[in-house]
Amino acid sequence: MAANKAGLVAITKFVEHGCRLITKYRTHMDAVIDAGVSAGSITIAQAATLKAWLDALTGVCAILKLLTGY
């Protein structure tokens, strides 16, 4: 179990770093996503999927922290 937990701690640290970046740059990310829709690079549905994924990452961080105690 310890090895498995160590792996989850490593994942949690990685995801937590991502969460901090998303929190810091989310406004910019949304602007780039919206510009991608305006430019026709991605569809509105793809933009919505991407934004939902970014939103869900925060929840993933919280769940991994509960599992690992990190």
Protein backbone atom coordinates (compact mmCIF):
# COMPACT_ATOMS: atom_id res chain seq x y z
CA MET A 1 0.00 0.00 0.00
CA ALA A 2 2.85 2.41 0.77
CA ALA A 3 4.16 2.25 -2.78
CA ASN A 4 0.70 2.90 -4.16
CA LYS A 5 0.22 5.84 -1.81
CA ALA A 6 3.63 7.24 -2.78
CA GLY A 7 2.51 7.17 -6.40
CA LEU A 8 -0.69 8.99 -5.55
CA VAL A 9 1.26 11.60 -3.61
CA ALA A 10 3.44 12.18 -6.68
CA ILE A 11 0.35 12.51 -8.87
CA THR A 12 -1.25 14.85 -6.32
CA LYS A 13 1.82 17.10 -6.36
CA PHE A 14 1.78 17.18 -10.16
CA VAL A 15 -1.95 17.90 -10.34
CA GLU A 16 -1.71 20.48 -7.56
CA HIS A 17 0.91 22.36 -9.58
CA GLY A 18 -1.50 22.28 -12.50
CA CYS A 19 -4.29 23.60 -10.29
CA ARG A 20 -2.15 26.52 -9.15
CA LEU A 21 -1.34 27.35 -12.78
CA ILE A 22 -4.98 27.12 -13.81
CA THR A 23 -6.03 29.36 -10.93
CA LYS A 24 -3.38 31.91 -11.84
CA TYR A 25 -3.92 31.87 -15.62
CA ARG A 26 -7.55 30.78 -16.02
CA THR A 27 -8.70 34.15 -17.33
CA HIS A 28 -6.01 34.03 -20.01
CA MET A 29 -6.82 30.41 -20.83
CA ASP A 30 -10.49 31.27 -21.28
CA ALA A 31 -9.54 34.15 -23.57
CA VAL A 32 -7.38 31.85 -25.72
CA ILE A 33 -10.16 29.25 -25.86
CA ASP A 34 -12.70 31.90 -26.85
CA ALA A 35 -10.31 33.27 -29.48
CA GLY A 36 -9.95 29.74 -30.84
CA VAL A 37 -13.71 29.55 -31.27
CA SER A 38 -13.81 32.98 -32.92
CA ALA A 39 -11.02 31.98 -35.30
CA GLY A 40 -12.74 28.72 -36.17
CA SER A 41 -9.90 26.61 -34.77
CA ILE A 42 -12.23 24.80 -32.37
CA THR A 43 -15.99 24.46 -32.06
CA ILE A 44 -18.15 25.86 -29.30
CA ALA A 45 -18.66 22.29 -28.06
CA GLN A 46 -14.91 21.70 -27.93
CA ALA A 47 -14.45 24.95 -26.01
CA ALA A 48 -17.12 23.89 -23.54
CA THR A 49 -15.44 20.50 -23.09
CA LEU A 50 -12.07 22.11 -22.49
CA LYS A 51 -13.49 24.59 -19.98
CA ALA A 52 -15.34 21.79 -18.16
CA TRP A 53 -12.09 19.81 -17.98
CA LEU A 54 -10.28 22.81 -16.50
CA ASP A 55 -13.08 23.22 -13.94
CA ALA A 56 -12.97 19.54 -13.02
CA LEU A 57 -9.24 19.57 -12.35
CA THR A 58 -9.82 21.49 -9.13
CA GLY A 59 -12.12 18.71 -7.93
CA VAL A 60 -9.52 16.10 -8.85
CA CYS A 61 -6.98 17.92 -6.67
CA ALA A 62 -9.31 17.84 -3.70
CA ILE A 63 -10.08 14.14 -4.11
CA LEU A 64 -6.42 13.16 -4.43
CA LYS A 65 -5.58 15.20 -1.34
CA LEU A 66 -8.23 13.29 0.61
CA LEU A 67 -6.80 9.95 -0.54
CA THR A 68 -3.18 10.77 0.11
CA GLY A 69 -3.35 13.16 3.04
CA TYR A 70 -0.96 15.40 1.14
